[in-house]
Amino acid sequence: MGHMTIGAVAVAVFLPVVIVSVFAFTSIATWSDARRREREAFYKSETLKKIAESSGAGGAAALDLIREQERIAQRRRRDDQRLGGLVTTGAGVGLLIFLRAIVPAQSVYLVGLIPLFVGVALLAHTFLFGPKE
């Protein structure tokens, strides 16, 4: 088999354990979050159903609540997309500057145009085609 040092054996044992642990934690965290969201949606729908069935004014209040929550969620999605566009655009500009400083003799810095244009496209979509308030 060959001569392996103690350090190589430790890395050969430790690395797979770390990788499996990270993926196990990620999958458990994702599953847990999905269950939490599912429970929240169930309780919310049950509460709204009870309010709507209770009286005439309750039904109107439930519909108003649903509309308000949808409006807030839509605004949050739009703001998140704008933030993503700004961050991606900034990353593109930073990459352009960084690569230009590191490799000034070649055009490697143009790779920064990829995230820059993705960020500009996200921003353009939110401001031009996204839902208005």
N, C-alpha and C. Protein backbone atom coordinates (compact mmCIF):
# COMPACT_ATOMS: atom_id res chain seq x y z
N MET A 1 0.83 -1.17 0.00
CA MET A 1 0.00 0.00 0.00
C MET A 1 0.87 1.24 0.00
N GLY A 2 1.99 1.22 0.56
CA GLY A 2 2.87 2.38 0.58
C GLY A 2 2.95 2.97 1.97
N HIS A 3 3.84 3.87 2.10
CA HIS A 3 4.03 4.52 3.39
C HIS A 3 3.25 5.82 3.44
N MET A 4 2.32 5.87 4.36
CA MET A 4 1.54 7.10 4.54
C MET A 4 1.93 7.72 5.87
N THR A 5 2.10 9.00 5.85
CA THR A 5 2.42 9.68 7.10
C THR A 5 1.16 9.84 7.93
N ILE A 6 1.34 10.16 9.18
CA ILE A 6 0.20 10.34 10.08
C ILE A 6 -0.66 11.51 9.59
N GLY A 7 -0.01 12.55 9.08
CA GLY A 7 -0.75 13.71 8.55
C GLY A 7 -1.61 13.34 7.36
N ALA A 8 -1.09 12.50 6.47
CA ALA A 8 -1.86 12.08 5.30
C ALA A 8 -3.04 11.21 5.70
N VAL A 9 -2.84 10.35 6.68
CA VAL A 9 -3.93 9.50 7.19
C VAL A 9 -5.00 10.38 7.84
N ALA A 10 -4.56 11.35 8.62
CA ALA A 10 -5.52 12.24 9.28
C ALA A 10 -6.34 13.00 8.26
N VAL A 11 -5.70 13.49 7.21
CA VAL A 11 -6.44 14.21 6.16
C VAL A 11 -7.38 13.26 5.42
N ALA A 12 -6.92 12.05 5.14
CA ALA A 12 -7.74 11.07 4.43
C ALA A 12 -8.97 10.67 5.24
N VAL A 13 -8.89 10.71 6.56
CA VAL A 13 -10.02 10.37 7.41
C VAL A 13 -10.86 11.61 7.71
N PHE A 14 -10.22 12.71 7.98
CA PHE A 14 -10.92 13.92 8.41
C PHE A 14 -11.71 14.57 7.28
N LEU A 15 -11.15 14.65 6.09
CA LEU A 15 -11.80 15.33 4.97
C LEU A 15 -13.15 14.72 4.60
N PRO A 16 -13.25 13.40 4.42
CA PRO A 16 -14.57 12.83 4.12
C PRO A 16 -15.59 13.05 5.24
N VAL A 17 -15.13 13.01 6.49
CA VAL A 17 -16.05 13.25 7.62
C VAL A 17 -16.58 14.67 7.57
N VAL A 18 -15.72 15.64 7.27
CA VAL A 18 -16.15 17.03 7.17
C VAL A 18 -17.13 17.21 6.02
N ILE A 19 -16.85 16.62 4.89
CA ILE A 19 -17.72 16.76 3.72
C ILE A 19 -19.08 16.16 4.00
N VAL A 20 -19.13 14.96 4.55
CA VAL A 20 -20.40 14.32 4.87
C VAL A 20 -21.15 15.13 5.92
N SER A 21 -20.45 15.66 6.89
CA SER A 21 -21.10 16.46 7.94
C SER A 21 -21.72 17.72 7.36
N VAL A 22 -21.02 18.39 6.48
CA VAL A 22 -21.55 19.62 5.87
C VAL A 22 -22.81 19.31 5.07
N PHE A 23 -22.77 18.26 4.26
CA PHE A 23 -23.95 17.93 3.46
C PHE A 23 -25.11 17.45 4.34
N ALA A 24 -24.83 16.72 5.39
CA ALA A 24 -25.89 16.28 6.30
C ALA A 24 -26.52 17.47 7.00
N PHE A 25 -25.71 18.40 7.49
CA PHE A 25 -26.24 19.59 8.15
C PHE A 25 -27.08 20.41 7.19
N THR A 26 -26.58 20.59 5.96
CA THR A 26 -27.32 21.38 4.97
C THR A 26 -28.66 20.75 4.66
N SER A 27 -28.70 19.44 4.47
CA SER A 27 -29.96 18.79 4.15
C SER A 27 -30.94 18.84 5.32
N ILE A 28 -30.45 18.68 6.53
CA ILE A 28 -31.33 18.75 7.70
C ILE A 28 -31.86 20.17 7.89
N ALA A 29 -31.02 21.16 7.69
CA ALA A 29 -31.45 22.55 7.82
C ALA A 29 -32.48 22.90 6.76
N THR A 30 -32.29 22.43 5.54
CA THR A 30 -33.24 22.69 4.46
C THR A 30 -34.57 22.00 4.75
N TRP A 31 -34.53 20.77 5.19
CA TRP A 31 -35.76 20.04 5.52
C TRP A 31 -36.49 20.73 6.65
N SER A 32 -35.77 21.14 7.67
CA SER A 32 -36.38 21.80 8.82
C SER A 32 -37.04 23.11 8.41
N ASP A 33 -36.39 23.88 7.56
CA ASP A 33 -36.96 25.14 7.09
C ASP A 33 -38.21 24.90 6.26
N ALA A 34 -38.20 23.87 5.44
CA ALA A 34 -39.38 23.55 4.62
C ALA A 34 -40.55 23.14 5.51
N ARG A 35 -40.29 22.37 6.54
CA ARG A 35 -41.36 21.98 7.48
C ARG A 35 -41.92 23.19 8.21
N ARG A 36 -41.06 24.10 8.62
CA ARG A 36 -41.51 25.31 9.31
C ARG A 36 -42.40 26.15 8.42
N ARG A 37 -41.98 26.33 7.18
CA ARG A 37 -42.80 27.11 6.23
C ARG A 37 -44.13 26.42 5.96
N GLU A 38 -44.10 25.11 5.85
CA GLU A 38 -45.34 24.37 5.62
C GLU A 38 -46.30 24.55 6.79
N ARG A 39 -45.80 24.45 8.01
CA ARG A 39 -46.64 24.67 9.21
C ARG A 39 -47.19 26.08 9.25
N GLU A 40 -46.35 27.06 8.96
CA GLU A 40 -46.81 28.45 8.96
C GLU A 40 -47.91 28.67 7.94
N ALA A 41 -47.74 28.12 6.75
CA ALA A 41 -48.77 28.27 5.72
C ALA A 41 -50.07 27.59 6.14
N PHE A 42 -49.97 26.41 6.77
CA PHE A 42 -51.16 25.70 7.22
C PHE A 42 -51.90 26.50 8.28
N TYR A 43 -51.18 26.99 9.29
CA TYR A 43 -51.82 27.75 10.36
C TYR A 43 -52.42 29.05 9.83
N LYS A 44 -51.74 29.67 8.91
CA LYS A 44 -52.24 30.91 8.32
C LYS A 44 -53.53 30.65 7.55
N SER A 45 -53.55 29.59 6.75
CA SER A 45 -54.76 29.29 5.97
C SER A 45 -55.92 28.90 6.88
N GLU A 46 -55.63 28.16 7.94
CA GLU A 46 -56.68 27.78 8.89
C GLU A 46 -57.25 29.01 9.60
N THR A 47 -56.38 29.91 10.01
CA THR A 47 -56.83 31.13 10.69
C THR A 47 -57.68 31.98 9.76
N LEU A 48 -57.24 32.15 8.52
CA LEU A 48 -58.00 32.95 7.57
C LEU A 48 -59.34 32.29 7.25
N LYS A 49 -59.35 30.96 7.18
CA LYS A 49 -60.60 30.25 6.93
C LYS A 49 -61.59 30.48 8.07
N LYS A 50 -61.11 30.41 9.30
CA LYS A 50 -61.99 30.64 10.46
C LYS A 50 -62.50 32.07 10.49
N ILE A 51 -61.65 33.04 10.18
CA ILE A 51 -62.08 34.43 10.15
C ILE A 51 -63.13 34.64 9.06
N ALA A 52 -62.90 34.06 7.89
CA ALA A 52 -63.84 34.23 6.79
C ALA A 52 -65.19 33.59 7.09
N GLU A 53 -65.20 32.48 7.81
CA GLU A 53 -66.44 31.79 8.11
C GLU A 53 -67.19 32.41 9.29
N SER A 54 -66.50 33.23 10.10
CA SER A 54 -67.13 33.73 11.32
C SER A 54 -68.23 34.74 11.05
N SER A 55 -68.02 35.72 10.21
CA SER A 55 -69.05 36.72 9.93
C SER A 55 -68.75 37.41 8.61
N GLY A 56 -69.70 38.26 8.19
CA GLY A 56 -69.53 38.97 6.92
C GLY A 56 -68.36 39.93 6.96
N ALA A 57 -68.19 40.65 8.06
CA ALA A 57 -67.08 41.59 8.19
C ALA A 57 -65.76 40.84 8.29
N GLY A 58 -65.79 39.65 8.88
CA GLY A 58 -64.57 38.86 9.00
C GLY A 58 -64.05 38.41 7.66
N GLY A 59 -64.96 38.07 6.74
CA GLY A 59 -64.54 37.65 5.41
C GLY A 59 -63.85 38.77 4.66
N ALA A 60 -64.41 39.99 4.78
CA ALA A 60 -63.79 41.14 4.12
C ALA A 60 -62.44 41.45 4.75
N ALA A 61 -62.36 41.32 6.08
CA ALA A 61 -61.10 41.56 6.76
C ALA A 61 -60.05 40.53 6.35
N ALA A 62 -60.48 39.28 6.19
CA ALA A 62 -59.55 38.23 5.76
C ALA A 62 -59.02 38.51 4.36
N LEU A 63 -59.89 38.94 3.45
CA LEU A 63 -59.45 39.26 2.09
C LEU A 63 -58.51 40.46 2.09
N ASP A 64 -58.80 41.46 2.92
CA ASP A 64 -57.91 42.61 3.02
C ASP A 64 -56.54 42.19 3.56
N LEU A 65 -56.55 41.30 4.53
CA LEU A 65 -55.29 40.80 5.09
C LEU A 65 -54.48 40.05 4.04
N ILE A 66 -55.15 39.21 3.27
CA ILE A 66 -54.47 38.46 2.21
C ILE A 66 -53.87 39.41 1.19
N ARG A 67 -54.63 40.42 0.78
CA ARG A 67 -54.13 41.40 -0.21
C ARG A 67 -52.92 42.16 0.34
N GLU A 68 -52.99 42.56 1.60
CA GLU A 68 -51.89 43.31 2.20
C GLU A 68 -50.64 42.44 2.30
N GLN A 69 -50.80 41.18 2.70
CA GLN A 69 -49.65 40.29 2.79
C GLN A 69 -49.03 40.04 1.42
N GLU A 70 -49.87 39.92 0.40
CA GLU A 70 -49.36 39.71 -0.96
C GLU A 70 -48.62 40.95 -1.45
N ARG A 71 -49.13 42.12 -1.13
CA ARG A 71 -48.47 43.36 -1.52
C ARG A 71 -47.10 43.49 -0.83
N ILE A 72 -47.03 43.13 0.44
CA ILE A 72 -45.76 43.18 1.18
C ILE A 72 -44.77 42.16 0.60
N ALA A 73 -45.25 40.97 0.29
CA ALA A 73 -44.38 39.93 -0.29
C ALA A 73 -43.86 40.36 -1.65
N GLN A 74 -44.73 40.99 -2.45
CA GLN A 74 -44.32 41.45 -3.78
C GLN A 74 -43.26 42.54 -3.67
N ARG A 75 -43.44 43.47 -2.73
CA ARG A 75 -42.46 44.53 -2.52
C ARG A 75 -41.13 43.94 -2.05
N ARG A 76 -41.20 42.94 -1.17
CA ARG A 76 -39.98 42.31 -0.66
C ARG A 76 -39.23 41.60 -1.80
N ARG A 77 -39.97 40.91 -2.69
CA ARG A 77 -39.31 40.23 -3.82
C ARG A 77 -38.64 41.25 -4.74
N ARG A 78 -39.32 42.37 -5.00
CA ARG A 78 -38.77 43.41 -5.87
C ARG A 78 -37.51 44.01 -5.23
N ASP A 79 -37.58 44.31 -3.93
CA ASP A 79 -36.41 44.86 -3.24
C ASP A 79 -35.25 43.88 -3.22
N ASP A 80 -35.56 42.59 -3.02
CA ASP A 80 -34.51 41.56 -3.04
C ASP A 80 -33.86 41.47 -4.41
N GLN A 81 -34.66 41.59 -5.47
CA GLN A 81 -34.10 41.52 -6.82
C GLN A 81 -33.23 42.75 -7.10
N ARG A 82 -33.66 43.91 -6.63
CA ARG A 82 -32.84 45.11 -6.79
C ARG A 82 -31.52 44.97 -6.04
N LEU A 83 -31.59 44.48 -4.82
CA LEU A 83 -30.37 44.28 -4.04
C LEU A 83 -29.44 43.29 -4.74
N GLY A 84 -30.00 42.20 -5.26
CA GLY A 84 -29.20 41.22 -5.99
C GLY A 84 -28.55 41.84 -7.21
N GLY A 85 -29.28 42.69 -7.91
CA GLY A 85 -28.71 43.38 -9.07
C GLY A 85 -27.58 44.31 -8.69
N LEU A 86 -27.77 45.05 -7.59
CA LEU A 86 -26.72 45.96 -7.13
C LEU A 86 -25.47 45.20 -6.69
N VAL A 87 -25.67 44.12 -5.96
CA VAL A 87 -24.53 43.33 -5.48
C VAL A 87 -23.79 42.70 -6.65
N THR A 88 -24.52 42.15 -7.61
CA THR A 88 -23.88 41.52 -8.76
C THR A 88 -23.16 42.54 -9.62
N THR A 89 -23.77 43.72 -9.80
CA THR A 89 -23.11 44.78 -10.56
C THR A 89 -21.83 45.22 -9.85
N GLY A 90 -21.91 45.39 -8.54
CA GLY A 90 -20.72 45.76 -7.78
C GLY A 90 -19.63 44.71 -7.86
N ALA A 91 -20.02 43.45 -7.82
CA ALA A 91 -19.04 42.37 -7.94
C ALA A 91 -18.38 42.40 -9.31
N GLY A 92 -19.15 42.69 -10.34
CA GLY A 92 -18.59 42.78 -11.69
C GLY A 92 -17.58 43.91 -11.81
N VAL A 93 -17.94 45.08 -11.27
CA VAL A 93 -17.02 46.22 -11.32
C VAL A 93 -15.77 45.91 -10.50
N GLY A 94 -15.95 45.33 -9.32
CA GLY A 94 -14.79 44.97 -8.50
C GLY A 94 -13.89 43.97 -9.19
N LEU A 95 -14.50 43.00 -9.86
CA LEU A 95 -13.70 41.99 -10.58
C LEU A 95 -12.94 42.63 -11.74
N LEU A 96 -13.58 43.55 -12.44
CA LEU A 96 -12.89 44.26 -13.52
C LEU A 96 -11.65 44.98 -12.98
N ILE A 97 -11.82 45.73 -11.92
CA ILE A 97 -10.71 46.51 -11.35
C ILE A 97 -9.63 45.58 -10.81
N PHE A 98 -10.04 44.55 -10.07
CA PHE A 98 -9.09 43.62 -9.46
C PHE A 98 -8.26 42.89 -10.51
N LEU A 99 -8.92 42.33 -11.52
CA LEU A 99 -8.19 41.59 -12.55
C LEU A 99 -7.32 42.50 -13.40
N ARG A 100 -7.78 43.73 -13.63
CA ARG A 100 -6.97 44.68 -14.40
C ARG A 100 -5.69 45.02 -13.63
N ALA A 101 -5.79 45.12 -12.29
CA ALA A 101 -4.60 45.44 -11.48
C ALA A 101 -3.64 44.26 -11.40
N ILE A 102 -4.17 43.04 -11.40
CA ILE A 102 -3.32 41.86 -11.27
C ILE A 102 -2.64 41.49 -12.58
N VAL A 103 -3.42 41.52 -13.68
CA VAL A 103 -2.87 41.12 -14.99
C VAL A 103 -3.07 42.28 -15.97
N PRO A 104 -2.26 43.32 -15.88
CA PRO A 104 -2.48 44.49 -16.73
C PRO A 104 -2.12 44.27 -18.20
N ALA A 105 -1.29 43.29 -18.49
CA ALA A 105 -0.82 43.08 -19.85
C ALA A 105 -1.84 42.35 -20.73
N GLN A 106 -2.80 41.66 -20.12
CA GLN A 106 -3.77 40.89 -20.89
C GLN A 106 -5.18 41.38 -20.60
N SER A 107 -6.12 40.93 -21.41
CA SER A 107 -7.52 41.36 -21.28
C SER A 107 -8.34 40.44 -20.39
N VAL A 108 -7.72 39.83 -19.40
CA VAL A 108 -8.40 38.91 -18.50
C VAL A 108 -9.49 39.63 -17.72
N TYR A 109 -9.28 40.92 -17.46
CA TYR A 109 -10.23 41.69 -16.66
C TYR A 109 -11.62 41.74 -17.28
N LEU A 110 -11.73 41.48 -18.56
CA LEU A 110 -13.03 41.53 -19.24
C LEU A 110 -13.99 40.45 -18.73
N VAL A 111 -13.47 39.46 -18.00
CA VAL A 111 -14.32 38.44 -17.38
C VAL A 111 -15.29 39.12 -16.40
N GLY A 112 -14.90 40.23 -15.84
CA GLY A 112 -15.75 40.97 -14.93
C GLY A 112 -17.00 41.53 -15.58
N LEU A 113 -17.02 41.57 -16.90
CA LEU A 113 -18.22 42.05 -17.60
C LEU A 113 -19.40 41.08 -17.45
N ILE A 114 -19.11 39.81 -17.21
CA ILE A 114 -20.19 38.82 -17.07
C ILE A 114 -21.07 39.14 -15.87
N PRO A 115 -20.53 39.20 -14.64
CA PRO A 115 -21.41 39.56 -13.52
C PRO A 115 -21.94 41.00 -13.63
N LEU A 116 -21.16 41.89 -14.25
CA LEU A 116 -21.62 43.26 -14.41
C LEU A 116 -22.89 43.30 -15.25
N PHE A 117 -22.89 42.61 -16.38
CA PHE A 117 -24.07 42.60 -17.24
C PHE A 117 -25.25 41.85 -16.62
N VAL A 118 -24.95 40.80 -15.86
CA VAL A 118 -26.04 40.10 -15.15
C VAL A 118 -26.69 41.04 -14.15
N GLY A 119 -25.89 41.79 -13.41
CA GLY A 119 -26.43 42.76 -12.45
C GLY A 119 -27.22 43.85 -13.13
N VAL A 120 -26.72 44.35 -14.24
CA VAL A 120 -27.45 45.39 -14.99
C VAL A 120 -28.77 44.83 -15.50
N ALA A 121 -28.78 43.58 -15.96
CA ALA A 121 -30.02 42.97 -16.45
C ALA A 121 -31.04 42.82 -15.31
N LEU A 122 -30.59 42.42 -14.13
CA LEU A 122 -31.49 42.32 -12.98
C LEU A 122 -32.08 43.68 -12.62
N LEU A 123 -31.23 44.69 -12.59
CA LEU A 123 -31.71 46.03 -12.27
C LEU A 123 -32.67 46.56 -13.33
N ALA A 124 -32.33 46.34 -14.60
CA ALA A 124 -33.20 46.79 -15.69
C ALA A 124 -34.56 46.10 -15.61
N HIS A 125 -34.55 44.82 -15.31
CA HIS A 125 -35.82 44.09 -15.21
C HIS A 125 -36.68 44.65 -14.09
N THR A 126 -36.10 44.92 -12.94
CA THR A 126 -36.91 45.41 -11.82
C THR A 126 -37.44 46.80 -12.08
N PHE A 127 -36.64 47.66 -12.71
CA PHE A 127 -37.09 49.03 -12.93
C PHE A 127 -37.97 49.18 -14.16
N LEU A 128 -37.75 48.37 -15.20
CA LEU A 128 -38.51 48.53 -16.43
C LEU A 128 -39.71 47.59 -16.55
N PHE A 129 -39.51 46.32 -16.17
CA PHE A 129 -40.55 45.32 -16.41
C PHE A 129 -41.17 44.76 -15.14
N GLY A 130 -40.58 45.05 -14.00
CA GLY A 130 -41.08 44.51 -12.75
C GLY A 130 -42.43 45.11 -12.37
N PRO A 131 -43.12 44.47 -11.46
CA PRO A 131 -44.42 44.98 -11.03
C PRO A 131 -44.26 46.32 -10.31
N LYS A 132 -45.19 47.20 -10.58
CA LYS A 132 -45.17 48.52 -9.95
C LYS A 132 -45.97 48.47 -8.65
N GLU A 133 -45.74 49.46 -7.79
CA GLU A 133 -46.46 49.52 -6.51
C GLU A 133 -47.89 49.97 -6.73
